[in-house]
Every structure is written in structure tokens, then in C-alpha cells.
PDB file of all heavy atoms in Angstrom:
ATOM      1  N   THR A   1      -2.363   5.806   9.226  1.00  0.00           N
ATOM      2  CA  THR A   1      -3.321   4.794   8.828  1.00  0.00           C
ATOM      3  C   THR A   1      -2.467   3.482   8.693  1.00  0.00           C
ATOM      4  O   THR A   1      -1.585   3.459   7.750  1.00  0.00           O
ATOM      5  CB  THR A   1      -4.010   5.123   7.513  1.00  0.00           C
ATOM      6  OG1 THR A   1      -4.821   6.283   7.734  1.00  0.00           O
ATOM      7  CG2 THR A   1      -4.952   3.999   7.051  1.00  0.00           C
ATOM      8  N   ALA A   2      -2.683   2.487   9.448  1.00  0.00           N
ATOM      9  CA  ALA A   2      -1.967   1.282   9.442  1.00  0.00           C
ATOM     10  C   ALA A   2      -2.741   0.125   8.915  1.00  0.00           C
ATOM     11  O   ALA A   2      -3.975  -0.117   9.349  1.00  0.00           O
ATOM     12  CB  ALA A   2      -1.468   0.970  10.887  1.00  0.00           C
ATOM     13  N   MET A   3      -2.244  -0.580   7.898  1.00  0.00           N
ATOM     14  CA  MET A   3      -2.931  -1.711   7.271  1.00  0.00           C
ATOM     15  C   MET A   3      -2.053  -2.931   7.259  1.00  0.00           C
ATOM     16  O   MET A   3      -0.854  -2.828   7.196  1.00  0.00           O
ATOM     17  CB  MET A   3      -3.306  -1.242   5.777  1.00  0.00           C
ATOM     18  CG  MET A   3      -4.327  -0.151   5.686  1.00  0.00           C
ATOM     19  SD  MET A   3      -5.947  -0.732   6.415  1.00  0.00           S
ATOM     20  CE  MET A   3      -6.858   0.762   6.370  1.00  0.00           C
ATOM     21  N   PRO A   4      -2.707  -4.081   7.386  1.00  0.00           N
ATOM     22  CA  PRO A   4      -1.931  -5.355   7.505  1.00  0.00           C
ATOM     23  C   PRO A   4      -1.624  -6.091   6.144  1.00  0.00           C
ATOM     24  O   PRO A   4      -0.918  -7.047   6.204  1.00  0.00           O
ATOM     25  CB  PRO A   4      -2.900  -6.287   8.333  1.00  0.00           C
ATOM     26  CG  PRO A   4      -4.266  -5.784   7.827  1.00  0.00           C
ATOM     27  CD  PRO A   4      -4.181  -4.334   7.592  1.00  0.00           C
ATOM     28  N   ASP A   5      -2.151  -5.599   5.069  1.00  0.00           N
ATOM     29  CA  ASP A   5      -1.843  -6.237   3.824  1.00  0.00           C
ATOM     30  C   ASP A   5      -1.805  -5.236   2.660  1.00  0.00           C
ATOM     31  O   ASP A   5      -2.299  -4.034   2.832  1.00  0.00           O
ATOM     32  CB  ASP A   5      -2.805  -7.402   3.548  1.00  0.00           C
ATOM     33  CG  ASP A   5      -4.239  -6.881   3.456  1.00  0.00           C
ATOM     34  OD1 ASP A   5      -4.608  -6.385   2.399  1.00  0.00           O
ATOM     35  OD2 ASP A   5      -4.992  -7.067   4.483  1.00  0.00           O
ATOM     36  N   GLY A   6      -1.279  -5.651   1.486  1.00  0.00           N
ATOM     37  CA  GLY A   6      -1.216  -4.783   0.339  1.00  0.00           C
ATOM     38  C   GLY A   6      -2.537  -4.274  -0.224  1.00  0.00           C
ATOM     39  O   GLY A   6      -2.616  -3.073  -0.656  1.00  0.00           O
ATOM     40  N   LEU A   7      -3.493  -5.179  -0.302  1.00  0.00           N
ATOM     41  CA  LEU A   7      -4.746  -4.845  -0.957  1.00  0.00           C
ATOM     42  C   LEU A   7      -5.484  -3.746  -0.113  1.00  0.00           C
ATOM     43  O   LEU A   7      -5.998  -2.787  -0.583  1.00  0.00           O
ATOM     44  CB  LEU A   7      -5.680  -6.056  -1.151  1.00  0.00           C
ATOM     45  CG  LEU A   7      -5.169  -7.007  -2.199  1.00  0.00           C
ATOM     46  CD1 LEU A   7      -6.033  -8.265  -2.179  1.00  0.00           C
ATOM     47  CD2 LEU A   7      -5.114  -6.261  -3.594  1.00  0.00           C
ATOM     48  N   SER A   8      -5.553  -3.939   1.278  1.00  0.00           N
ATOM     49  CA  SER A   8      -6.178  -2.946   2.108  1.00  0.00           C
ATOM     50  C   SER A   8      -5.305  -1.599   2.147  1.00  0.00           C
ATOM     51  O   SER A   8      -5.911  -0.504   2.212  1.00  0.00           O
ATOM     52  CB  SER A   8      -6.338  -3.411   3.550  1.00  0.00           C
ATOM     53  OG  SER A   8      -5.078  -3.744   4.123  1.00  0.00           O
ATOM     54  N   GLY A   9      -3.970  -1.785   1.935  1.00  0.00           N
ATOM     55  CA  GLY A   9      -3.103  -0.622   1.877  1.00  0.00           C
ATOM     56  C   GLY A   9      -3.436   0.191   0.630  1.00  0.00           C
ATOM     57  O   GLY A   9      -3.478   1.404   0.652  1.00  0.00           O
ATOM     58  N   LEU A  10      -3.631  -0.494  -0.455  1.00  0.00           N
ATOM     59  CA  LEU A  10      -4.038   0.254  -1.758  1.00  0.00           C
ATOM     60  C   LEU A  10      -5.386   0.924  -1.630  1.00  0.00           C
ATOM     61  O   LEU A  10      -5.389   2.098  -2.084  1.00  0.00           O
ATOM     62  CB  LEU A  10      -4.002  -0.736  -2.902  1.00  0.00           C
ATOM     63  CG  LEU A  10      -4.328  -0.172  -4.283  1.00  0.00           C
ATOM     64  CD1 LEU A  10      -3.340   0.895  -4.673  1.00  0.00           C
ATOM     65  CD2 LEU A  10      -4.413  -1.266  -5.328  1.00  0.00           C
ATOM     66  N   GLU A  11      -6.319   0.278  -1.029  1.00  0.00           N
ATOM     67  CA  GLU A  11      -7.605   0.919  -0.787  1.00  0.00           C
ATOM     68  C   GLU A  11      -7.489   2.116   0.080  1.00  0.00           C
ATOM     69  O   GLU A  11      -8.106   3.181  -0.169  1.00  0.00           O
ATOM     70  CB  GLU A  11      -8.603  -0.125  -0.174  1.00  0.00           C
ATOM     71  CG  GLU A  11     -10.011   0.470  -0.036  1.00  0.00           C
ATOM     72  CD  GLU A  11     -10.964  -0.572   0.577  1.00  0.00           C
ATOM     73  OE1 GLU A  11     -10.478  -1.706   0.723  1.00  0.00           O
ATOM     74  OE2 GLU A  11     -12.090  -0.192   0.913  1.00  0.00           O
ATOM     75  N   ALA A  12      -6.708   2.030   1.223  1.00  0.00           N
ATOM     76  CA  ALA A  12      -6.530   3.129   2.041  1.00  0.00           C
ATOM     77  C   ALA A  12      -5.842   4.328   1.301  1.00  0.00           C
ATOM     78  O   ALA A  12      -6.132   5.496   1.578  1.00  0.00           O
ATOM     79  CB  ALA A  12      -5.712   2.744   3.290  1.00  0.00           C
ATOM     80  N   PHE A  13      -4.818   3.976   0.478  1.00  0.00           N
ATOM     81  CA  PHE A  13      -4.096   5.008  -0.321  1.00  0.00           C
ATOM     82  C   PHE A  13      -5.079   5.780  -1.143  1.00  0.00           C
ATOM     83  O   PHE A  13      -5.052   7.028  -1.207  1.00  0.00           O
ATOM     84  CB  PHE A  13      -3.021   4.342  -1.137  1.00  0.00           C
ATOM     85  CG  PHE A  13      -2.326   5.395  -2.020  1.00  0.00           C
ATOM     86  CD1 PHE A  13      -1.451   6.305  -1.594  1.00  0.00           C
ATOM     87  CD2 PHE A  13      -2.694   5.431  -3.367  1.00  0.00           C
ATOM     88  CE1 PHE A  13      -0.905   7.195  -2.503  1.00  0.00           C
ATOM     89  CE2 PHE A  13      -2.256   6.372  -4.245  1.00  0.00           C
ATOM     90  CZ  PHE A  13      -1.274   7.268  -3.767  1.00  0.00           C
ATOM     91  N   ARG A  14      -5.953   5.106  -1.826  1.00  0.00           N
ATOM     92  CA  ARG A  14      -6.840   5.749  -2.691  1.00  0.00           C
ATOM     93  C   ARG A  14      -7.982   6.514  -2.015  1.00  0.00           C
ATOM     94  O   ARG A  14      -8.396   7.582  -2.500  1.00  0.00           O
ATOM     95  CB  ARG A  14      -7.588   4.691  -3.618  1.00  0.00           C
ATOM     96  CG  ARG A  14      -6.581   4.055  -4.623  1.00  0.00           C
ATOM     97  CD  ARG A  14      -7.151   2.938  -5.411  1.00  0.00           C
ATOM     98  NE  ARG A  14      -6.333   2.571  -6.431  1.00  0.00           N
ATOM     99  CZ  ARG A  14      -6.512   1.380  -7.201  1.00  0.00           C
ATOM    100  NH1 ARG A  14      -7.482   0.520  -6.864  1.00  0.00           N
ATOM    101  NH2 ARG A  14      -5.694   1.132  -8.213  1.00  0.00           N
ATOM    102  N   THR A  15      -8.270   6.086  -0.749  1.00  0.00           N
ATOM    103  CA  THR A  15      -9.328   6.812   0.048  1.00  0.00           C
ATOM    104  C   THR A  15      -8.742   7.931   0.786  1.00  0.00           C
ATOM    105  O   THR A  15      -9.292   9.047   0.761  1.00  0.00           O
ATOM    106  CB  THR A  15      -9.931   5.837   0.972  1.00  0.00           C
ATOM    107  OG1 THR A  15     -10.537   4.736   0.271  1.00  0.00           O
ATOM    108  CG2 THR A  15     -11.082   6.505   1.811  1.00  0.00           C
ATOM    109  N   ASP A  16      -7.602   7.755   1.413  1.00  0.00           N
ATOM    110  CA  ASP A  16      -7.102   8.828   2.330  1.00  0.00           C
ATOM    111  C   ASP A  16      -6.038   9.781   1.680  1.00  0.00           C
ATOM    112  O   ASP A  16      -5.860  10.870   2.224  1.00  0.00           O
ATOM    113  CB  ASP A  16      -6.426   8.078   3.519  1.00  0.00           C
ATOM    114  CG  ASP A  16      -7.364   7.274   4.261  1.00  0.00           C
ATOM    115  OD1 ASP A  16      -8.603   7.510   4.204  1.00  0.00           O
ATOM    116  OD2 ASP A  16      -6.983   6.322   5.075  1.00  0.00           O
ATOM    117  N   ARG A  17      -5.464   9.399   0.615  1.00  0.00           N
ATOM    118  CA  ARG A  17      -4.449  10.198  -0.055  1.00  0.00           C
ATOM    119  C   ARG A  17      -3.366  10.748   0.960  1.00  0.00           C
ATOM    120  O   ARG A  17      -3.330  11.919   1.190  1.00  0.00           O
ATOM    121  CB  ARG A  17      -5.091  11.431  -0.788  1.00  0.00           C
ATOM    122  CG  ARG A  17      -5.923  10.950  -1.971  1.00  0.00           C
ATOM    123  CD  ARG A  17      -4.982  10.350  -3.047  1.00  0.00           C
ATOM    124  NE  ARG A  17      -5.750   9.690  -4.141  1.00  0.00           N
ATOM    125  CZ  ARG A  17      -5.213   9.033  -5.174  1.00  0.00           C
ATOM    126  NH1 ARG A  17      -3.897   8.887  -5.181  1.00  0.00           N
ATOM    127  NH2 ARG A  17      -5.904   8.536  -6.122  1.00  0.00           N
ATOM    128  N   PRO A  18      -2.610   9.807   1.512  1.00  0.00           N
ATOM    129  CA  PRO A  18      -1.631  10.172   2.442  1.00  0.00           C
ATOM    130  C   PRO A  18      -0.514  11.047   1.873  1.00  0.00           C
ATOM    131  O   PRO A  18      -0.343  11.119   0.740  1.00  0.00           O
ATOM    132  CB  PRO A  18      -1.133   8.891   3.025  1.00  0.00           C
ATOM    133  CG  PRO A  18      -1.257   7.935   1.821  1.00  0.00           C
ATOM    134  CD  PRO A  18      -2.492   8.325   1.130  1.00  0.00           C
ATOM    135  N   ASP A  19       0.278  11.630   2.818  1.00  0.00           N
ATOM    136  CA  ASP A  19       1.448  12.459   2.373  1.00  0.00           C
ATOM    137  C   ASP A  19       2.667  11.600   2.079  1.00  0.00           C
ATOM    138  O   ASP A  19       3.543  11.940   1.299  1.00  0.00           O
ATOM    139  CB  ASP A  19       1.761  13.465   3.514  1.00  0.00           C
ATOM    140  CG  ASP A  19       0.653  14.481   3.737  1.00  0.00           C
ATOM    141  OD1 ASP A  19       0.316  15.160   2.790  1.00  0.00           O
ATOM    142  OD2 ASP A  19       0.136  14.518   4.773  1.00  0.00           O
ATOM    143  N   ILE A  20       2.686  10.407   2.703  1.00  0.00           N
ATOM    144  CA  ILE A  20       3.834   9.542   2.530  1.00  0.00           C
ATOM    145  C   ILE A  20       3.380   8.104   2.876  1.00  0.00           C
ATOM    146  O   ILE A  20       2.442   7.886   3.682  1.00  0.00           O
ATOM    147  CB  ILE A  20       4.985   9.906   3.398  1.00  0.00           C
ATOM    148  CG1 ILE A  20       6.354   9.091   3.102  1.00  0.00           C
ATOM    149  CG2 ILE A  20       4.704   9.859   4.826  1.00  0.00           C
ATOM    150  CD1 ILE A  20       7.619   9.677   3.754  1.00  0.00           C
ATOM    151  N   ALA A  21       4.095   7.140   2.091  1.00  0.00           N
ATOM    152  CA  ALA A  21       3.641   5.705   2.378  1.00  0.00           C
ATOM    153  C   ALA A  21       4.891   4.954   2.813  1.00  0.00           C
ATOM    154  O   ALA A  21       6.005   5.068   2.293  1.00  0.00           O
ATOM    155  CB  ALA A  21       3.193   5.185   1.102  1.00  0.00           C
ATOM    156  N   LEU A  22       4.686   4.131   3.895  1.00  0.00           N
ATOM    157  CA  LEU A  22       5.735   3.211   4.390  1.00  0.00           C
ATOM    158  C   LEU A  22       5.235   1.838   4.063  1.00  0.00           C
ATOM    159  O   LEU A  22       4.208   1.462   4.615  1.00  0.00           O
ATOM    160  CB  LEU A  22       5.924   3.318   5.934  1.00  0.00           C
ATOM    161  CG  LEU A  22       6.241   4.769   6.485  1.00  0.00           C
ATOM    162  CD1 LEU A  22       6.488   4.648   7.925  1.00  0.00           C
ATOM    163  CD2 LEU A  22       7.543   5.285   5.794  1.00  0.00           C
ATOM    164  N   LEU A  23       5.998   1.065   3.281  1.00  0.00           N
ATOM    165  CA  LEU A  23       5.463  -0.163   2.788  1.00  0.00           C
ATOM    166  C   LEU A  23       6.506  -1.273   3.082  1.00  0.00           C
ATOM    167  O   LEU A  23       7.696  -1.221   2.629  1.00  0.00           O
ATOM    168  CB  LEU A  23       5.307  -0.192   1.280  1.00  0.00           C
ATOM    169  CG  LEU A  23       4.469   1.077   0.667  1.00  0.00           C
ATOM    170  CD1 LEU A  23       4.431   0.923  -0.914  1.00  0.00           C
ATOM    171  CD2 LEU A  23       3.082   1.044   1.267  1.00  0.00           C
ATOM    172  N   ASP A  24       6.086  -2.243   3.850  1.00  0.00           N
ATOM    173  CA  ASP A  24       6.968  -3.425   4.028  1.00  0.00           C
ATOM    174  C   ASP A  24       6.986  -4.169   2.809  1.00  0.00           C
ATOM    175  O   ASP A  24       5.987  -4.441   2.057  1.00  0.00           O
ATOM    176  CB  ASP A  24       6.403  -4.232   5.205  1.00  0.00           C
ATOM    177  CG  ASP A  24       7.356  -5.433   5.498  1.00  0.00           C
ATOM    178  OD1 ASP A  24       8.583  -5.257   5.621  1.00  0.00           O
ATOM    179  OD2 ASP A  24       6.776  -6.561   5.675  1.00  0.00           O
ATOM    180  N   VAL A  25       8.087  -4.765   2.429  1.00  0.00           N
ATOM    181  CA  VAL A  25       8.266  -5.587   1.181  1.00  0.00           C
ATOM    182  C   VAL A  25       7.465  -6.804   1.196  1.00  0.00           C
ATOM    183  O   VAL A  25       6.698  -7.169   0.242  1.00  0.00           O
ATOM    184  CB  VAL A  25       9.799  -5.839   0.977  1.00  0.00           C
ATOM    185  CG1 VAL A  25       9.916  -6.889  -0.184  1.00  0.00           C
ATOM    186  CG2 VAL A  25      10.592  -4.607   0.714  1.00  0.00           C
ATOM    187  N   MET A  26       7.476  -7.590   2.342  1.00  0.00           N
ATOM    188  CA  MET A  26       6.800  -8.853   2.465  1.00  0.00           C
ATOM    189  C   MET A  26       5.502  -8.715   3.166  1.00  0.00           C
ATOM    190  O   MET A  26       5.341  -8.913   4.414  1.00  0.00           O
ATOM    191  CB  MET A  26       7.719  -9.863   3.116  1.00  0.00           C
ATOM    192  CG  MET A  26       9.069 -10.062   2.377  1.00  0.00           C
ATOM    193  SD  MET A  26       8.935 -10.725   0.698  1.00  0.00           S
ATOM    194  CE  MET A  26       8.243 -12.359   1.078  1.00  0.00           C
ATOM    195  N   VAL A  27       4.415  -8.377   2.445  1.00  0.00           N
ATOM    196  CA  VAL A  27       3.117  -8.320   3.006  1.00  0.00           C
ATOM    197  C   VAL A  27       2.214  -9.175   2.134  1.00  0.00           C
ATOM    198  O   VAL A  27       2.443  -9.331   0.855  1.00  0.00           O
ATOM    199  CB  VAL A  27       2.470  -6.878   3.086  1.00  0.00           C
ATOM    200  CG1 VAL A  27       3.289  -6.140   4.177  1.00  0.00           C
ATOM    201  CG2 VAL A  27       2.590  -6.148   1.791  1.00  0.00           C
ATOM    202  N   PRO A  28       1.141  -9.786   2.710  1.00  0.00           N
ATOM    203  CA  PRO A  28       0.271 -10.675   1.918  1.00  0.00           C
ATOM    204  C   PRO A  28      -0.672  -9.903   1.002  1.00  0.00           C
ATOM    205  O   PRO A  28      -0.815  -8.691   1.108  1.00  0.00           O
ATOM    206  CB  PRO A  28      -0.508 -11.460   3.030  1.00  0.00           C
ATOM    207  CG  PRO A  28      -0.517 -10.482   4.181  1.00  0.00           C
ATOM    208  CD  PRO A  28       0.766  -9.767   4.101  1.00  0.00           C
ATOM    209  N   GLY A  29      -1.256 -10.710   0.081  1.00  0.00           N
ATOM    210  CA  GLY A  29      -2.272 -10.135  -0.790  1.00  0.00           C
ATOM    211  C   GLY A  29      -1.654  -9.483  -1.999  1.00  0.00           C
ATOM    212  O   GLY A  29      -1.763  -9.871  -3.221  1.00  0.00           O
ATOM    213  N   LEU A  30      -0.940  -8.353  -1.721  1.00  0.00           N
ATOM    214  CA  LEU A  30      -0.254  -7.585  -2.673  1.00  0.00           C
ATOM    215  C   LEU A  30       1.087  -7.136  -2.047  1.00  0.00           C
ATOM    216  O   LEU A  30       1.026  -6.374  -1.218  1.00  0.00           O
ATOM    217  CB  LEU A  30      -1.107  -6.349  -3.183  1.00  0.00           C
ATOM    218  CG  LEU A  30      -0.540  -5.506  -4.311  1.00  0.00           C
ATOM    219  CD1 LEU A  30      -0.629  -6.161  -5.623  1.00  0.00           C
ATOM    220  CD2 LEU A  30      -1.368  -4.162  -4.413  1.00  0.00           C
ATOM    221  N   ASP A  31       2.158  -7.764  -2.572  1.00  0.00           N
ATOM    222  CA  ASP A  31       3.444  -7.386  -1.826  1.00  0.00           C
ATOM    223  C   ASP A  31       3.814  -5.975  -1.969  1.00  0.00           C
ATOM    224  O   ASP A  31       3.267  -5.197  -2.797  1.00  0.00           O
ATOM    225  CB  ASP A  31       4.491  -8.329  -2.387  1.00  0.00           C
ATOM    226  CG  ASP A  31       4.910  -8.001  -3.810  1.00  0.00           C
ATOM    227  OD1 ASP A  31       5.561  -7.066  -4.078  1.00  0.00           O
ATOM    228  OD2 ASP A  31       4.392  -8.720  -4.656  1.00  0.00           O
ATOM    229  N   GLY A  32       4.701  -5.536  -1.144  1.00  0.00           N
ATOM    230  CA  GLY A  32       5.103  -4.139  -1.004  1.00  0.00           C
ATOM    231  C   GLY A  32       5.612  -3.550  -2.313  1.00  0.00           C
ATOM    232  O   GLY A  32       5.378  -2.400  -2.645  1.00  0.00           O
ATOM    233  N   VAL A  33       6.396  -4.338  -3.072  1.00  0.00           N
ATOM    234  CA  VAL A  33       6.913  -3.850  -4.320  1.00  0.00           C
ATOM    235  C   VAL A  33       5.813  -3.608  -5.422  1.00  0.00           C
ATOM    236  O   VAL A  33       5.767  -2.639  -6.006  1.00  0.00           O
ATOM    237  CB  VAL A  33       7.981  -4.808  -4.921  1.00  0.00           C
ATOM    238  CG1 VAL A  33       8.451  -4.429  -6.296  1.00  0.00           C
ATOM    239  CG2 VAL A  33       9.147  -4.901  -3.937  1.00  0.00           C
ATOM    240  N   SER A  34       4.950  -4.633  -5.393  1.00  0.00           N
ATOM    241  CA  SER A  34       3.765  -4.460  -6.317  1.00  0.00           C
ATOM    242  C   SER A  34       2.862  -3.267  -5.940  1.00  0.00           C
ATOM    243  O   SER A  34       2.413  -2.479  -6.800  1.00  0.00           O
ATOM    244  CB  SER A  34       2.919  -5.708  -6.394  1.00  0.00           C
ATOM    245  OG  SER A  34       3.745  -6.778  -6.915  1.00  0.00           O
ATOM    246  N   LEU A  35       2.682  -3.114  -4.646  1.00  0.00           N
ATOM    247  CA  LEU A  35       1.913  -1.959  -4.137  1.00  0.00           C
ATOM    248  C   LEU A  35       2.500  -0.620  -4.466  1.00  0.00           C
ATOM    249  O   LEU A  35       1.842   0.314  -4.844  1.00  0.00           O
ATOM    250  CB  LEU A  35       1.776  -2.072  -2.597  1.00  0.00           C
ATOM    251  CG  LEU A  35       0.992  -0.934  -1.920  1.00  0.00           C
ATOM    252  CD1 LEU A  35      -0.354  -0.653  -2.550  1.00  0.00           C
ATOM    253  CD2 LEU A  35       0.893  -1.236  -0.432  1.00  0.00           C
ATOM    254  N   CYS A  36       3.856  -0.640  -4.372  1.00  0.00           N
ATOM    255  CA  CYS A  36       4.638   0.582  -4.700  1.00  0.00           C
ATOM    256  C   CYS A  36       4.398   0.971  -6.179  1.00  0.00           C
ATOM    257  O   CYS A  36       4.153   2.115  -6.547  1.00  0.00           O
ATOM    258  CB  CYS A  36       6.062   0.453  -4.465  1.00  0.00           C
ATOM    259  SG  CYS A  36       7.158   1.876  -4.842  1.00  0.00           S
ATOM    260  N   ARG A  37       4.415  -0.035  -7.093  1.00  0.00           N
ATOM    261  CA  ARG A  37       4.188   0.169  -8.496  1.00  0.00           C
ATOM    262  C   ARG A  37       2.804   0.748  -8.706  1.00  0.00           C
ATOM    263  O   ARG A  37       2.607   1.669  -9.569  1.00  0.00           O
ATOM    264  CB  ARG A  37       4.411  -1.085  -9.251  1.00  0.00           C
ATOM    265  CG  ARG A  37       5.797  -1.558  -9.429  1.00  0.00           C
ATOM    266  CD  ARG A  37       6.023  -2.630 -10.387  1.00  0.00           C
ATOM    267  NE  ARG A  37       7.289  -3.124 -10.485  1.00  0.00           N
ATOM    268  CZ  ARG A  37       7.724  -4.297  -9.978  1.00  0.00           C
ATOM    269  NH1 ARG A  37       6.852  -5.062  -9.316  1.00  0.00           N
ATOM    270  NH2 ARG A  37       8.930  -4.728 -10.036  1.00  0.00           N
ATOM    271  N   ARG A  38       1.814   0.139  -8.023  1.00  0.00           N
ATOM    272  CA  ARG A  38       0.434   0.694  -8.213  1.00  0.00           C
ATOM    273  C   ARG A  38       0.293   2.066  -7.704  1.00  0.00           C
ATOM    274  O   ARG A  38      -0.407   2.908  -8.416  1.00  0.00           O
ATOM    275  CB  ARG A  38      -0.466  -0.327  -7.399  1.00  0.00           C
ATOM    276  CG  ARG A  38      -0.538  -1.730  -7.899  1.00  0.00           C
ATOM    277  CD  ARG A  38      -1.309  -1.857  -9.126  1.00  0.00           C
ATOM    278  NE  ARG A  38      -2.753  -1.868  -8.861  1.00  0.00           N
ATOM    279  CZ  ARG A  38      -3.514  -2.904  -8.519  1.00  0.00           C
ATOM    280  NH1 ARG A  38      -2.920  -4.068  -8.300  1.00  0.00           N
ATOM    281  NH2 ARG A  38      -4.723  -2.798  -8.384  1.00  0.00           N
ATOM    282  N   ILE A  39       0.887   2.404  -6.668  1.00  0.00           N
ATOM    283  CA  ILE A  39       0.895   3.777  -6.144  1.00  0.00           C
ATOM    284  C   ILE A  39       1.611   4.721  -7.112  1.00  0.00           C
ATOM    285  O   ILE A  39       1.121   5.774  -7.436  1.00  0.00           O
ATOM    286  CB  ILE A  39       1.535   3.808  -4.638  1.00  0.00           C
ATOM    287  CG1 ILE A  39       0.675   3.180  -3.679  1.00  0.00           C
ATOM    288  CG2 ILE A  39       1.826   5.283  -4.377  1.00  0.00           C
ATOM    289  CD1 ILE A  39       1.239   3.092  -2.320  1.00  0.00           C
ATOM    290  N   ARG A  40       2.772   4.248  -7.609  1.00  0.00           N
ATOM    291  CA  ARG A  40       3.495   5.156  -8.533  1.00  0.00           C
ATOM    292  C   ARG A  40       2.733   5.346  -9.819  1.00  0.00           C
ATOM    293  O   ARG A  40       2.832   6.390 -10.478  1.00  0.00           O
ATOM    294  CB  ARG A  40       4.827   4.500  -8.778  1.00  0.00           C
ATOM    295  CG  ARG A  40       5.869   5.431  -9.443  1.00  0.00           C
ATOM    296  CD  ARG A  40       5.969   6.821  -8.790  1.00  0.00           C
ATOM    297  NE  ARG A  40       6.778   6.703  -7.470  1.00  0.00           N
ATOM    298  CZ  ARG A  40       6.356   7.208  -6.350  1.00  0.00           C
ATOM    299  NH1 ARG A  40       5.161   7.880  -6.303  1.00  0.00           N
ATOM    300  NH2 ARG A  40       7.097   7.071  -5.259  1.00  0.00           N
ATOM    301  N   ASP A  41       1.882   4.386 -10.265  1.00  0.00           N
ATOM    302  CA  ASP A  41       1.051   4.596 -11.391  1.00  0.00           C
ATOM    303  C   ASP A  41       0.055   5.719 -11.223  1.00  0.00           C
ATOM    304  O   ASP A  41      -0.407   6.296 -12.301  1.00  0.00           O
ATOM    305  CB  ASP A  41       0.322   3.282 -11.814  1.00  0.00           C
ATOM    306  CG  ASP A  41       1.216   2.272 -12.422  1.00  0.00           C
ATOM    307  OD1 ASP A  41       2.326   2.567 -12.858  1.00  0.00           O
ATOM    308  OD2 ASP A  41       0.837   1.081 -12.349  1.00  0.00           O
TER     309      ASP A  41
END
């Protein structure tokens, strides 16, 4: 599941429950580091 920004990535994570996440650091909306924190929560 490929997403172009952090907010859509977070929504996809919550919907699809993937086995692993690959996050680029510099993405718009919600950067990769912040997205990682949200996932880790």
C-alpha cells in the first residue's frame, strides 16, 4: 500500500494494519518521524 503523504499513510496504517511500514523522513502533511511516533503509540 503506497501513500504520498503522512496523513494518508496514517489512515492506511489504521485501516490495513500492515506487517511493516517504510516511511520516508521528508513527506508532506505529517512528516515521517511524526508518523513513526503515531504508529508507535
